[in-house]
Amino acid sequence: MWGKDFSYFHDLWKDIRLLLVFNTLKANPDGLTYYDLKKIGKDTIPTSKIYRMMNNLFVQGLLTRNEEQNDQGRPRYKFFISDLGQNYYINLKEALLNQFEYVRQKMPEVQKFDGKKFIDCASFHLWQDPITNPLKSDISIKQKLEFITQMESKLQEKLEFIRKRKVKLEKLIEKDNLIPRS
């Protein structure tokens, strides 16, 4: 169907990941450390992978970093967007806007998608509170209810998984307590 070297969607997702990194850094003008990322993501984003991306962007000269002094443990680095990175960021936003416009022209049913707003607002901060933005959006109440219902269902599945693991651990502890110690 597509040629062997067709990489449009791979490149698009790579650009979106970079946009999320740059927008998150832009939203944190005092810099961003790995520990800040962990606070933002609350175990919902792959912080180690993002931190490696930031290190690669530093090596490429798109980010700068300052070492924070601490008494013990590994050094902490605060990342910032460099001047070169600022130019790259502007070009990235323009390229993504063009790609979104291309998709919108090819798929008329996605006319409501606001690519400019996405490009300006998308960051990892979304994962801090995944409910507020959809509830404030201008989608219908029915769509909001469907969104909340889907989220509730996913959370119930996760809770069920946790409950099963908890029962297994309780049984192991119970079994361990029944075995006499020598």
Protein backbone atom coordinates (compact mmCIF):
# COMPACT_ATOMS: atom_id res chain seq x y z
CA MET A 1 0.00 0.00 0.00
CA TRP A 2 2.65 2.54 1.05
CA GLY A 3 6.23 2.55 -0.08
CA LYS A 4 8.96 1.02 2.03
CA ASP A 5 10.34 4.41 3.04
CA PHE A 6 6.95 5.94 3.89
CA SER A 7 7.46 7.53 7.29
CA TYR A 8 4.89 10.33 7.40
CA PHE A 9 3.10 9.15 10.55
CA HIS A 10 6.30 8.19 12.32
CA ASP A 11 7.73 11.64 11.62
CA LEU A 12 4.48 13.32 12.68
CA TRP A 13 4.48 11.55 16.06
CA LYS A 14 8.16 12.37 16.54
CA ASP A 15 7.37 16.04 15.92
CA ILE A 16 4.42 15.92 18.34
CA ARG A 17 6.65 14.39 21.04
CA LEU A 18 9.18 17.18 20.48
CA LEU A 19 6.39 19.76 20.64
CA LEU A 20 5.25 18.35 24.00
CA VAL A 21 8.82 18.64 25.34
CA PHE A 22 9.29 22.21 24.07
CA ASN A 23 5.86 23.38 25.27
CA THR A 24 6.47 21.84 28.70
CA LEU A 25 9.84 23.59 28.90
CA LYS A 26 8.23 26.84 27.73
CA ALA A 27 5.64 26.52 30.52
CA ASN A 28 8.48 26.16 33.05
CA PRO A 29 10.69 29.25 32.48
CA ASP A 30 12.72 28.45 35.63
CA GLY A 31 13.89 25.20 34.03
CA LEU A 32 12.80 21.61 34.24
CA THR A 33 14.48 18.68 36.00
CA TYR A 34 13.74 14.96 35.87
CA TYR A 35 12.05 15.30 39.27
CA ASP A 36 9.84 18.10 37.94
CA LEU A 37 8.80 15.77 35.11
CA LYS A 38 7.92 13.07 37.64
CA LYS A 39 5.72 15.56 39.53
CA ILE A 40 4.00 16.61 36.31
CA GLY A 41 3.44 13.07 35.08
CA LYS A 42 2.55 11.41 38.37
CA ASP A 43 3.62 8.04 36.91
CA THR A 44 1.43 8.51 33.83
CA ILE A 45 4.12 9.59 31.36
CA PRO A 46 7.39 7.84 30.50
CA THR A 47 9.61 10.30 32.37
CA SER A 48 12.85 8.38 31.75
CA LYS A 49 12.23 8.34 27.99
CA ILE A 50 11.39 12.06 28.00
CA TYR A 51 14.50 12.82 30.05
CA ARG A 52 16.63 10.90 27.52
CA MET A 53 15.00 12.94 24.75
CA MET A 54 15.91 16.11 26.62
CA ASN A 55 19.51 14.92 26.99
CA ASN A 56 19.63 14.23 23.23
CA LEU A 57 18.23 17.70 22.54
CA PHE A 58 20.95 19.09 24.82
CA VAL A 59 23.65 17.23 22.83
CA GLN A 60 22.15 18.66 19.61
CA GLY A 61 22.36 22.17 21.09
CA LEU A 62 18.58 22.70 21.18
CA LEU A 63 18.52 22.79 24.99
CA THR A 64 20.89 24.10 27.62
CA ARG A 65 21.20 22.72 31.11
CA ASN A 66 22.48 23.93 34.44
CA GLU A 67 23.66 21.59 37.15
CA GLU A 68 21.92 22.07 40.46
CA GLN A 69 24.11 21.62 43.49
CA ASN A 70 23.01 18.98 45.94
CA ASP A 71 24.77 17.34 48.86
CA GLN A 72 24.31 13.75 47.84
CA GLY A 73 23.22 11.53 44.99
CA ARG A 74 23.37 12.18 41.30
CA PRO A 75 23.62 15.70 39.95
CA ARG A 76 20.35 17.33 38.96
CA TYR A 77 20.17 19.18 35.68
CA LYS A 78 17.70 21.93 34.88
CA PHE A 79 16.93 22.12 31.19
CA PHE A 80 16.09 25.29 29.24
CA ILE A 81 15.42 26.03 25.57
CA SER A 82 18.58 27.41 23.90
CA ASP A 83 18.58 30.15 21.24
CA LEU A 84 19.10 27.48 18.58
CA GLY A 85 16.28 25.49 20.19
CA GLN A 86 14.00 28.53 20.09
CA ASN A 87 14.47 28.78 16.31
CA TYR A 88 13.92 25.03 15.96
CA TYR A 89 10.78 25.31 18.12
CA ILE A 90 9.32 28.04 15.88
CA ASN A 91 10.04 25.97 12.75
CA LEU A 92 8.60 22.85 14.40
CA LYS A 93 5.35 24.66 15.21
CA GLU A 94 5.06 25.93 11.63
CA ALA A 95 5.77 22.46 10.21
CA LEU A 96 3.17 20.85 12.48
CA LEU A 97 0.60 23.49 11.61
CA ASN A 98 1.20 22.73 7.91
CA GLN A 99 0.85 18.98 8.57
CA PHE A 100 -2.41 19.49 10.49
CA GLU A 101 -3.73 21.68 7.67
CA TYR A 102 -2.80 18.97 5.15
CA VAL A 103 -4.66 16.34 7.19
CA ARG A 104 -7.65 18.66 7.53
CA GLN A 105 -7.79 19.16 3.76
CA LYS A 106 -7.64 15.41 3.14
CA MET A 107 -10.18 14.57 5.86
CA PRO A 108 -13.07 17.04 5.83
CA GLU A 109 -14.69 15.34 8.83
CA VAL A 110 -11.96 16.74 11.14
CA GLN A 111 -12.72 20.40 10.33
CA LYS A 112 -13.37 21.17 14.00
CA PHE A 113 -9.82 20.29 15.04
CA ASP A 114 -7.94 23.47 16.00
CA GLY A 115 -4.32 22.66 15.14
CA LYS A 116 -3.07 26.11 16.18
CA LYS A 117 -4.58 25.77 19.65
CA PHE A 118 -3.14 22.27 20.00
CA ILE A 119 0.32 23.48 18.96
CA ASP A 120 0.19 26.40 21.40
CA CYS A 121 -1.22 24.49 24.39
CA ALA A 122 -0.14 20.83 24.22
CA SER A 123 2.28 19.89 26.99
CA PHE A 124 2.88 17.15 29.53
CA HIS A 125 0.92 19.22 32.06
CA LEU A 126 -2.22 17.65 30.59
CA TRP A 127 -1.48 14.53 32.63
CA GLN A 128 -1.58 16.44 35.91
CA ASP A 129 -5.35 16.83 35.67
CA PRO A 130 -6.83 14.88 32.76
CA ILE A 131 -10.43 15.87 33.51
CA THR A 132 -10.57 19.67 33.80
CA ASN A 133 -9.70 20.60 30.21
CA PRO A 134 -12.23 18.26 28.55
CA LEU A 135 -14.95 19.46 30.93
CA LYS A 136 -14.16 23.11 30.14
CA SER A 137 -14.06 22.49 26.39
CA ASP A 138 -16.92 23.43 24.10
CA ILE A 139 -17.99 19.86 23.34
CA SER A 140 -21.56 18.78 24.08
CA ILE A 141 -22.61 17.60 27.52
CA LYS A 142 -23.27 14.16 26.04
CA GLN A 143 -19.66 13.98 24.76
CA LYS A 144 -18.37 15.13 28.16
CA LEU A 145 -20.40 12.38 29.84
CA GLU A 146 -19.05 9.78 27.38
CA PHE A 147 -15.50 10.96 28.10
CA ILE A 148 -15.97 10.76 31.87
CA THR A 149 -17.68 7.35 31.56
CA GLN A 150 -14.77 5.96 29.50
CA MET A 151 -12.28 7.32 32.02
CA GLU A 152 -14.27 5.81 34.89
CA SER A 153 -14.33 2.43 33.13
CA LYS A 154 -10.57 2.47 32.63
CA LEU A 155 -10.01 3.39 36.27
CA GLN A 156 -12.32 0.59 37.41
CA GLU A 157 -10.31 -1.89 35.32
CA LYS A 158 -7.11 -0.66 36.96
CA LEU A 159 -8.66 -0.86 40.42
CA GLU A 160 -9.80 -4.42 39.75
CA PHE A 161 -6.27 -5.34 38.70
CA ILE A 162 -4.91 -3.76 41.90
CA ARG A 163 -7.49 -5.60 44.04
CA LYS A 164 -6.51 -8.95 42.51
CA ARG A 165 -2.82 -8.26 43.20
CA LYS A 166 -3.67 -7.22 46.75
CA VAL A 167 -5.60 -10.46 47.37
CA LYS A 168 -2.64 -12.50 46.07
CA LEU A 169 -0.26 -10.67 48.40
CA GLU A 170 -2.61 -11.12 51.35
CA LYS A 171 -2.79 -14.86 50.62
CA LEU A 172 1.01 -15.05 50.49
CA ILE A 173 1.28 -13.27 53.83
CA GLU A 174 -1.39 -15.52 55.32
CA LYS A 175 0.38 -18.60 54.00
CA ASP A 176 3.71 -17.32 55.30
CA ASN A 177 2.22 -16.79 58.79
CA LEU A 178 0.88 -20.37 58.88
CA ILE A 179 4.31 -21.88 58.25
CA PRO A 180 6.06 -22.44 61.59
CA ARG A 181 9.49 -20.85 61.85
CA SER A 182 12.40 -22.97 63.00
